[in-house]
Protein backbone atom coordinates (compact mmCIF):
# COMPACT_ATOMS: atom_id res chain seq x y z
CA UNK A 1 -25.11 -108.39 85.54
CA UNK A 2 -24.18 -110.44 88.56
CA UNK A 3 -25.97 -109.77 91.76
CA UNK A 4 -29.66 -110.39 91.12
CA UNK A 5 -31.04 -113.90 90.79
CA UNK A 6 -32.16 -115.15 87.40
CA UNK A 7 -35.78 -115.09 88.55
CA UNK A 8 -35.37 -111.40 89.37
CA UNK A 9 -33.86 -110.63 85.98
CA UNK A 10 -36.03 -112.65 83.64
CA UNK A 11 -38.96 -110.31 83.64
CA UNK A 12 -36.81 -107.69 82.00
CA UNK A 13 -35.79 -108.74 78.52
CA UNK A 14 -36.61 -109.88 75.06
CA UNK A 15 -36.18 -109.79 71.29
CA UNK A 16 -38.07 -109.10 68.17
CA UNK A 17 -38.56 -111.74 65.50
CA UNK A 18 -35.62 -112.42 63.28
CA UNK A 19 -37.39 -114.96 61.12
CA UNK A 20 -40.31 -112.71 60.23
CA UNK A 21 -38.11 -109.74 59.39
CA UNK A 22 -36.86 -109.18 55.84
CA UNK A 23 -33.32 -108.10 55.23
CA UNK A 24 -34.36 -104.54 54.37
CA UNK A 25 -35.08 -101.84 56.91
CA UNK A 26 -38.59 -102.19 58.28
CA UNK A 27 -40.73 -100.49 60.90
CA UNK A 28 -40.86 -102.35 64.19
CA UNK A 29 -43.52 -102.78 66.82
CA UNK A 30 -44.41 -99.56 68.60
CA UNK A 31 -44.68 -99.52 72.38
CA UNK A 32 -47.34 -97.31 73.97
CA UNK A 33 -46.15 -94.29 75.91
CA UNK A 34 -46.95 -94.61 79.64
CA UNK A 35 -47.70 -90.89 80.02
CA UNK A 36 -49.01 -87.83 78.24
CA UNK A 37 -46.77 -86.42 75.51
CA UNK A 38 -47.39 -82.77 74.71
CA UNK A 39 -47.74 -81.73 71.04
CA UNK A 40 -44.36 -80.00 70.87
CA UNK A 41 -42.46 -82.88 72.46
CA UNK A 42 -40.94 -85.88 70.72
CA UNK A 43 -41.41 -89.27 72.32
CA UNK A 44 -41.57 -92.48 70.29
CA UNK A 45 -40.88 -96.09 71.21
CA UNK A 46 -40.18 -99.27 69.28
CA UNK A 47 -39.69 -102.79 70.57
CA UNK A 48 -36.48 -104.18 69.09
CA UNK A 49 -36.52 -107.57 70.81
CA UNK A 50 -39.12 -109.77 72.53
CA UNK A 51 -38.49 -112.97 74.47
CA UNK A 52 -39.43 -116.10 72.58
CA UNK A 53 -39.56 -114.37 69.18
CA UNK A 54 -36.81 -114.94 66.65
CA UNK A 55 -33.49 -116.70 67.13
CA UNK A 56 -33.50 -116.95 70.93
CA UNK A 57 -36.00 -117.57 73.72
CA UNK A 58 -34.45 -114.85 75.87
CA UNK A 59 -32.82 -111.47 75.31
CA UNK A 60 -30.97 -109.25 77.79
CA UNK A 61 -28.56 -106.34 78.16
CA UNK A 62 -28.53 -103.16 76.04
CA UNK A 63 -25.84 -101.22 74.16
CA UNK A 64 -26.37 -98.22 71.90
CA UNK A 65 -24.17 -96.01 69.71
CA UNK A 66 -24.75 -93.17 67.26
CA UNK A 67 -22.31 -93.12 64.34
CA UNK A 68 -23.70 -90.01 62.67
CA UNK A 69 -25.40 -89.61 59.29
CA UNK A 70 -28.43 -91.44 60.66
CA UNK A 71 -26.59 -94.65 61.57
CA UNK A 72 -27.51 -95.98 65.02
CA UNK A 73 -26.41 -99.36 66.40
CA UNK A 74 -28.22 -101.36 69.09
CA UNK A 75 -26.64 -104.53 70.52
CA UNK A 76 -27.87 -107.06 73.06
CA UNK A 77 -27.49 -110.64 74.30
CA UNK A 78 -29.32 -113.55 72.68
CA UNK A 79 -29.62 -116.19 75.40
CA UNK A 80 -30.60 -119.86 74.96
CA UNK A 81 -31.73 -120.29 78.57
CA UNK A 82 -31.93 -116.77 79.98
CA UNK A 83 -28.79 -117.06 82.08
CA UNK A 84 -25.62 -114.99 82.13
CA UNK A 85 -22.15 -116.23 81.18
CA UNK A 86 -20.94 -118.95 80.90
CA UNK A 87 -24.09 -119.81 78.96
CA UNK A 88 -23.51 -120.07 75.18
CA UNK A 89 -24.95 -116.61 74.57
CA UNK A 90 -24.48 -114.53 71.42
CA UNK A 91 -24.14 -110.81 70.75
CA UNK A 92 -26.84 -109.60 68.35
CA UNK A 93 -27.17 -106.23 66.67
CA UNK A 94 -29.83 -104.20 64.90
CA UNK A 95 -28.80 -101.29 62.71
CA UNK A 96 -30.70 -98.16 61.71
CA UNK A 97 -29.76 -95.79 58.90
CA UNK A 98 -32.46 -93.19 59.57
CA UNK A 99 -31.79 -92.11 63.13
CA UNK A 100 -33.74 -94.92 64.75
CA UNK A 101 -36.98 -94.59 62.76
CA UNK A 102 -36.60 -98.07 61.26
CA UNK A 103 -34.26 -100.96 62.01
CA UNK A 104 -32.69 -103.75 60.03
CA UNK A 105 -33.09 -107.39 60.95
CA UNK A 106 -30.89 -108.73 63.78
CA UNK A 107 -27.42 -109.94 62.85
CA UNK A 108 -24.57 -111.47 64.84
CA UNK A 109 -21.55 -109.62 66.17
CA UNK A 110 -20.30 -112.76 67.94
CA UNK A 111 -22.04 -116.15 67.94
CA UNK A 112 -21.97 -118.56 70.86
CA UNK A 113 -21.73 -122.32 70.61
CA UNK A 114 -23.62 -124.82 72.80
CA UNK A 115 -21.47 -127.64 74.07
CA UNK A 116 -21.91 -131.31 73.23
CA UNK A 117 -19.81 -134.45 73.17
CA UNK A 118 -16.50 -133.45 71.66
CA UNK A 119 -17.64 -129.84 71.15
CA UNK A 120 -16.52 -127.10 73.54
CA UNK A 121 -19.15 -124.67 74.78
CA UNK A 122 -18.40 -120.95 74.53
CA UNK A 123 -20.44 -117.77 74.66
CA UNK A 124 -20.44 -113.99 74.47
CA UNK A 125 -22.30 -111.60 76.79
CA UNK A 126 -22.71 -107.98 77.89
CA UNK A 127 -21.95 -105.79 74.85
CA UNK A 128 -20.70 -102.21 74.98
CA UNK A 129 -19.84 -99.90 72.09
CA UNK A 130 -16.96 -97.44 71.83
CA UNK A 131 -16.80 -95.20 68.74
CA UNK A 132 -13.59 -93.60 67.50
CA UNK A 133 -14.73 -90.33 65.95
CA UNK A 134 -11.28 -89.80 64.43
CA UNK A 135 -11.15 -92.99 62.38
CA UNK A 136 -14.75 -94.14 62.21
CA UNK A 137 -13.88 -97.48 63.80
CA UNK A 138 -16.48 -99.00 66.11
CA UNK A 139 -15.51 -101.35 68.94
CA UNK A 140 -17.82 -103.80 70.67
CA UNK A 141 -16.53 -105.07 74.02
CA UNK A 142 -18.04 -108.23 75.50
CA UNK A 143 -17.39 -111.29 77.64
CA UNK A 144 -15.93 -114.41 76.03
CA UNK A 145 -16.72 -117.32 78.35
CA UNK A 146 -16.00 -121.01 78.22
CA UNK A 147 -16.77 -123.02 81.37
CA UNK A 148 -16.94 -120.26 83.99
CA UNK A 149 -18.42 -116.81 84.45
CA UNK A 150 -17.58 -113.72 86.49
CA UNK A 151 -17.98 -115.23 89.95
CA UNK A 152 -16.39 -118.63 89.27
CA UNK A 153 -13.45 -117.52 87.14
CA UNK A 154 -9.98 -118.28 88.42
CA UNK A 155 -6.96 -115.99 88.57
CA UNK A 156 -4.94 -115.86 85.36
CA UNK A 157 -5.33 -114.54 81.82
CA UNK A 158 -4.65 -117.53 79.60
CA UNK A 159 -7.52 -117.49 77.10
CA UNK A 160 -7.02 -121.20 76.45
CA UNK A 161 -7.88 -121.94 80.09
CA UNK A 162 -11.53 -122.98 80.13
CA UNK A 163 -11.89 -121.72 83.70
CA UNK A 164 -10.74 -118.17 82.93
CA UNK A 165 -13.35 -115.64 81.83
CA UNK A 166 -11.96 -113.71 78.86
CA UNK A 167 -12.63 -110.33 77.23
CA UNK A 168 -13.08 -109.80 73.52
CA UNK A 169 -13.25 -106.69 71.35
CA UNK A 170 -14.95 -106.92 67.97
CA UNK A 171 -14.09 -104.20 65.46
CA UNK A 172 -16.11 -102.73 62.60
CA UNK A 173 -14.62 -100.46 59.95
CA UNK A 174 -17.81 -100.07 57.89
CA UNK A 175 -20.23 -98.51 60.34
CA UNK A 176 -21.35 -101.71 62.01
CA UNK A 177 -22.31 -103.53 58.81
CA UNK A 178 -19.71 -106.24 59.41
CA UNK A 179 -17.50 -107.21 62.34
CA UNK A 180 -14.09 -108.77 62.83
CA UNK A 181 -15.73 -111.56 64.84
CA UNK A 182 -18.59 -112.23 62.44
CA UNK A 183 -19.40 -115.96 62.78
CA UNK A 184 -18.92 -116.51 59.05
CA UNK A 185 -15.25 -115.59 59.52
CA UNK A 186 -14.72 -117.33 62.84
CA UNK A 187 -13.50 -120.89 63.46
CA UNK A 188 -15.32 -123.30 65.76
CA UNK A 189 -13.48 -121.95 68.79
CA UNK A 190 -12.27 -118.34 68.91
CA UNK A 191 -8.47 -118.28 69.01
CA UNK A 192 -6.31 -116.25 71.37
CA UNK A 193 -5.94 -113.61 68.68
CA UNK A 194 -5.99 -109.84 68.43
CA UNK A 195 -9.70 -109.71 69.31
CA UNK A 196 -8.98 -110.98 72.84
CA UNK A 197 -7.66 -108.43 75.35
CA UNK A 198 -7.76 -110.58 78.48
CA UNK A 199 -4.08 -110.07 79.27
CA UNK A 200 -4.59 -106.30 79.31
CA UNK A 201 -7.72 -106.24 81.47
CA UNK A 202 -7.15 -109.23 83.79
CA UNK A 203 -3.65 -109.07 85.30
CA UNK A 204 -2.35 -111.81 87.57
CA UNK A 205 -1.02 -109.38 90.19
CA UNK A 206 2.06 -109.69 92.40
CA UNK A 207 3.06 -111.25 95.70
CA UNK A 208 3.16 -108.51 98.36
CA UNK A 209 4.14 -109.25 101.98
CA UNK A 210 3.46 -112.92 101.40
CA UNK A 211 0.02 -112.33 99.87
CA UNK A 212 -0.24 -113.77 96.36
CA UNK A 213 -1.79 -112.04 93.36
CA UNK A 214 -2.29 -108.62 94.96
CA UNK A 215 -3.85 -106.37 92.33
CA UNK A 216 -4.79 -109.40 90.28
CA UNK A 217 -8.23 -109.60 88.72
CA UNK A 218 -10.02 -112.89 89.35
CA UNK A 219 -13.09 -112.19 87.24
CA UNK A 220 -14.01 -109.23 85.04
CA UNK A 221 -16.35 -107.98 82.37
CA UNK A 222 -16.92 -104.82 80.35
CA UNK A 223 -19.85 -102.80 81.67
CA UNK A 224 -22.57 -103.01 79.03
CA UNK A 225 -23.84 -99.90 77.27
CA UNK A 226 -21.37 -97.44 75.79
CA UNK A 227 -17.88 -96.11 76.43
CA UNK A 228 -16.51 -92.71 75.44
CA UNK A 229 -13.81 -90.87 73.54
CA UNK A 230 -12.18 -87.90 75.25
CA UNK A 231 -12.41 -84.60 73.36
CA UNK A 232 -10.40 -82.17 75.52
CA UNK A 233 -6.90 -81.59 76.81
CA UNK A 234 -3.79 -83.73 76.85
CA UNK A 235 -5.72 -86.99 76.46
CA UNK A 236 -8.00 -85.90 73.60
CA UNK A 237 -8.72 -88.87 71.35
CA UNK A 238 -8.39 -91.43 74.15
CA UNK A 239 -10.93 -94.27 73.99
CA UNK A 240 -12.31 -95.45 77.33
CA UNK A 241 -14.37 -98.54 78.21
CA UNK A 242 -15.40 -99.25 81.79
CA UNK A 243 -14.86 -102.62 83.46
CA UNK A 244 -15.97 -104.39 86.61
CA UNK A 245 -13.45 -106.64 88.34
CA UNK A 246 -13.09 -108.91 91.34
CA UNK A 247 -9.72 -107.64 92.52
CA UNK A 248 -7.32 -109.18 95.07
CA UNK A 249 -6.50 -106.73 97.89
CA UNK A 250 -3.30 -106.56 100.02
CA UNK A 251 -5.25 -108.36 102.75
CA UNK A 252 -5.94 -111.25 100.40
CA UNK A 253 -9.65 -110.40 100.26
CA UNK A 254 -11.34 -110.09 96.89
CA UNK A 255 -13.68 -107.13 96.34
CA UNK A 256 -15.65 -105.78 93.39
CA UNK A 257 -14.07 -102.64 91.94
CA UNK A 258 -14.40 -100.44 88.86
CA UNK A 259 -11.67 -99.49 86.40
CA UNK A 260 -11.16 -97.91 83.02
CA UNK A 261 -9.59 -99.68 80.06
CA UNK A 262 -8.23 -97.15 77.60
CA UNK A 263 -6.44 -96.81 74.27
CA UNK A 264 -4.33 -93.92 72.98
CA UNK A 265 -3.61 -95.48 69.58
CA UNK A 266 -7.05 -95.88 68.09
CA UNK A 267 -7.73 -99.26 69.65
CA UNK A 268 -4.57 -101.06 68.54
CA UNK A 269 -3.59 -101.61 72.17
CA UNK A 270 -5.57 -101.37 75.40
CA UNK A 271 -4.37 -100.57 78.92
CA UNK A 272 -5.92 -101.00 82.35
CA UNK A 273 -6.28 -98.12 84.80
CA UNK A 274 -6.23 -98.47 88.58
CA UNK A 275 -9.19 -100.25 90.20
CA UNK A 276 -11.24 -98.04 92.51
CA UNK A 277 -13.93 -98.31 95.14
CA UNK A 278 -15.66 -100.87 97.32
CA UNK A 279 -19.03 -102.38 96.48
CA UNK A 280 -18.86 -101.22 92.86
CA UNK A 281 -20.45 -102.84 89.81
CA UNK A 282 -21.38 -101.86 86.26
CA UNK A 283 -20.16 -98.32 85.78
CA UNK A 284 -19.99 -95.62 83.10
CA UNK A 285 -17.93 -92.50 82.54
CA UNK A 286 -18.53 -89.08 81.04
CA UNK A 287 -16.08 -86.31 80.15
CA UNK A 288 -16.87 -83.10 82.03
CA UNK A 289 -16.59 -79.60 80.60
CA UNK A 290 -13.08 -79.12 82.06
CA UNK A 291 -11.74 -82.42 80.71
CA UNK A 292 -12.06 -84.36 83.97
CA UNK A 293 -13.74 -87.76 83.76
CA UNK A 294 -16.67 -88.59 86.04
CA UNK A 295 -17.29 -92.25 86.91
CA UNK A 296 -20.88 -93.20 87.82
CA UNK A 297 -21.42 -96.71 89.18
CA UNK A 298 -24.16 -99.09 90.11
CA UNK A 299 -23.76 -99.99 93.80
CA UNK A 300 -23.44 -103.59 94.92
CA UNK A 301 -23.33 -102.78 98.64
CA UNK A 302 -27.02 -102.07 99.18
CA UNK A 303 -26.52 -98.33 99.68
CA UNK A 304 -29.38 -97.48 97.35
CA UNK A 305 -27.43 -94.70 95.62
CA UNK A 306 -25.12 -94.36 92.63
CA UNK A 307 -21.40 -94.07 93.39
CA UNK A 308 -19.45 -91.22 91.81
CA UNK A 309 -15.70 -90.58 91.45
CA UNK A 310 -13.55 -88.13 89.48
CA UNK A 311 -10.42 -88.66 87.38
CA UNK A 312 -8.04 -85.83 86.52
CA UNK A 313 -5.73 -88.00 84.38
CA UNK A 314 -8.06 -89.28 81.69
CA UNK A 315 -9.40 -92.32 83.54
CA UNK A 316 -6.17 -93.85 84.80
CA UNK A 317 -6.91 -93.12 88.46
CA UNK A 318 -10.02 -91.93 90.31
CA UNK A 319 -10.90 -90.26 93.58
CA UNK A 320 -12.54 -92.27 96.36
CA UNK A 321 -16.14 -92.90 95.21
CA UNK A 322 -18.94 -91.22 97.12
CA UNK A 323 -22.65 -91.97 97.23
CA UNK A 324 -24.63 -89.55 95.06
CA UNK A 325 -27.85 -89.14 97.07
CA UNK A 326 -29.55 -87.27 94.21
CA UNK A 327 -29.41 -90.49 92.17
CA UNK A 328 -31.16 -93.42 93.90
CA UNK A 329 -30.39 -96.82 92.41
CA UNK A 330 -31.70 -100.34 93.17
CA UNK A 331 -28.44 -102.12 92.19
CA UNK A 332 -28.97 -101.76 88.47
CA UNK A 333 -27.10 -100.76 85.33
CA UNK A 334 -27.72 -97.14 84.30
CA UNK A 335 -26.08 -94.64 81.97
CA UNK A 336 -24.55 -91.18 81.94
CA UNK A 337 -23.69 -89.13 78.87
CA UNK A 338 -23.05 -85.61 77.72
CA UNK A 339 -26.05 -84.01 76.06
CA UNK A 340 -23.83 -82.33 73.47
CA UNK A 341 -20.75 -84.52 72.89
CA UNK A 342 -19.24 -82.03 70.43
CA UNK A 343 -19.62 -78.96 72.67
CA UNK A 344 -16.58 -76.74 73.11
CA UNK A 345 -14.47 -77.27 76.20
CA UNK A 346 -15.67 -75.13 79.10
CA UNK A 347 -18.88 -74.09 77.35
CA UNK A 348 -22.32 -74.09 78.94
CA UNK A 349 -23.44 -76.89 76.62
CA UNK A 350 -20.46 -79.03 77.66
CA UNK A 351 -21.75 -78.93 81.24
CA UNK A 352 -25.14 -80.49 80.41
CA UNK A 353 -25.28 -84.19 81.30
CA UNK A 354 -27.99 -86.82 80.89
CA UNK A 355 -28.59 -89.82 83.15
CA UNK A 356 -30.96 -92.79 82.98
CA UNK A 357 -31.73 -95.58 85.43
CA UNK A 358 -34.47 -97.23 87.47
CA UNK A 359 -35.54 -94.45 89.84
CA UNK A 360 -35.78 -96.42 93.08
CA UNK A 361 -33.53 -97.46 95.94
CA UNK A 362 -35.03 -100.93 96.12
CA UNK A 363 -36.82 -102.00 92.91
CA UNK A 364 -36.13 -102.07 89.18
CA UNK A 365 -39.02 -99.78 88.28
CA UNK A 366 -39.78 -96.41 86.73
CA UNK A 367 -37.12 -95.82 84.11
CA UNK A 368 -36.25 -92.14 84.47
CA UNK A 369 -34.17 -89.65 82.48
CA UNK A 370 -32.56 -86.75 84.36
CA UNK A 371 -30.38 -83.84 83.34
CA UNK A 372 -27.71 -81.73 84.97
CA UNK A 373 -26.71 -78.20 83.92
CA UNK A 374 -23.54 -78.10 86.01
CA UNK A 375 -21.36 -81.14 85.26
CA UNK A 376 -23.36 -83.38 87.58
CA UNK A 377 -23.23 -81.20 90.69
CA UNK A 378 -27.03 -81.04 90.78
CA UNK A 379 -29.65 -83.15 89.01
CA UNK A 380 -33.24 -82.62 87.91
CA UNK A 381 -36.08 -84.67 89.38
CA UNK A 382 -36.28 -86.42 86.03
CA UNK A 383 -39.03 -87.66 83.76
CA UNK A 384 -40.29 -91.24 83.53
CA UNK A 385 -39.86 -92.91 80.14
CA UNK A 386 -40.99 -96.35 81.35
CA UNK A 387 -43.46 -96.72 84.21
CA UNK A 388 -43.43 -100.03 86.05
CA UNK A 389 -40.78 -102.68 85.49
CA UNK A 390 -37.53 -101.36 83.94
CA UNK A 391 -34.02 -102.72 84.30
CA UNK A 392 -30.89 -101.81 82.31
CA UNK A 393 -30.79 -98.67 80.17
CA UNK A 394 -28.38 -96.65 78.07
CA UNK A 395 -28.71 -93.20 76.48
CA UNK A 396 -26.88 -91.50 73.63
CA UNK A 397 -27.17 -88.22 71.73
CA UNK A 398 -28.54 -88.60 68.19
CA UNK A 399 -28.07 -85.00 67.03
CA UNK A 400 -30.54 -82.16 66.43
CA UNK A 401 -31.52 -82.17 70.11
CA UNK A 402 -32.78 -85.77 69.94
CA UNK A 403 -31.63 -88.68 72.08
CA UNK A 404 -31.94 -92.45 72.03
CA UNK A 405 -32.72 -94.56 75.10
CA UNK A 406 -32.40 -98.34 74.77
CA UNK A 407 -33.78 -100.20 77.76
CA UNK A 408 -35.07 -103.44 79.23
CA UNK A 409 -38.78 -102.88 79.73
CA UNK A 410 -41.98 -104.63 80.65
CA UNK A 411 -43.37 -107.76 79.03
CA UNK A 412 -39.92 -109.18 78.33
CA UNK A 413 -38.94 -106.59 75.77
CA UNK A 414 -35.95 -104.52 74.73
CA UNK A 415 -37.23 -101.12 73.66
CA UNK A 416 -35.70 -98.16 71.83
CA UNK A 417 -37.15 -94.77 72.75
CA UNK A 418 -36.41 -91.54 70.92
CA UNK A 419 -36.93 -88.30 72.83
CA UNK A 420 -36.03 -84.66 72.35
CA UNK A 421 -34.82 -81.81 74.52
CA UNK A 422 -38.36 -80.55 75.04
CA UNK A 423 -39.53 -83.92 76.34
CA UNK A 424 -36.55 -84.11 78.69
CA UNK A 425 -37.48 -80.66 79.96
CA UNK A 426 -33.92 -79.39 79.82
CA UNK A 427 -33.72 -75.77 80.87
CA UNK A 428 -30.17 -74.60 81.51
């Protein structure tokens, strides 16, 4: 989200026409496969968004969730000028009811407002879904910005402060058809209401040995893509969304760390775990077969490798992150997920993980999907789903050994790919 220049990022995104799309489900533009697909393998692609087509000139960032019964949600930023927060961006969504074969026209989850004389600018960026399998509720985390973004935000968590970057959670109780922050139900400026969780995710910190705001979060945002719900052990049912924060250290320095934000009451309240790491960035988590939680992070320190840490308490605290040299990364947002989310604890299927990112230490190229048979101890060489330019990606299980990959591809597009176990080459 933060560390590449706009010129570096602009090649990556887009959005499909809203104006030309009817309100019913329709097929969308197919993208050619960049490789040979064997007859017994499933690989299909559809462009869901293209820069300059529809409501916005630019589109970025990808989030994906499978709700079951064929319902798949894909969210992304609509951007007036291509830039990140605090631009007056909006969160858009397309919804499928047939497992990603066709998609409805784009709708708003949260709508930004350009500023003008007497009108306050605000915007929403970087969506991520969390699905509560117990209640059917769907949460969409995203930035709520006014005058400042991640890097320029000041300490504090007063949502009325125009120089504080805020966090919002939109809620859907009807499978993503409507949202609590739908613009038709929202006043001209979002209030400091239940949808805003800034106070939970952006603490002020404390004075320690004369150093002010130690542990305080200066700027933060939810890592785009998808969070998880724990299935095993004492914390079964816990909802977890990953965050990135600029956190004040005991020395007074501010560094970029990762942390979990979690709920044990179905999303009524949210709590912040302990920040971890140095040189972290957008990060994701996956529940391992023994109930531990593995954090997998984009690096912001130039190491060229993903950073990995383990939690034994459901995401509240993590071990010291280590570079995972099997997973090169060019400072980019990737994704990790369990291949079989409903697998029994400790089973062989529960150990199978999937991972997507740009397979390079230096460039956002060659979108690659890998698998692990052993809870992420070892990883396959992977298979390329997008040759050439590829930025952010997210992957989720769709059922029946099929999987959705939503990614920022070439030619300023956001593309949904559907693959199966055979295409991934999983052999465990």
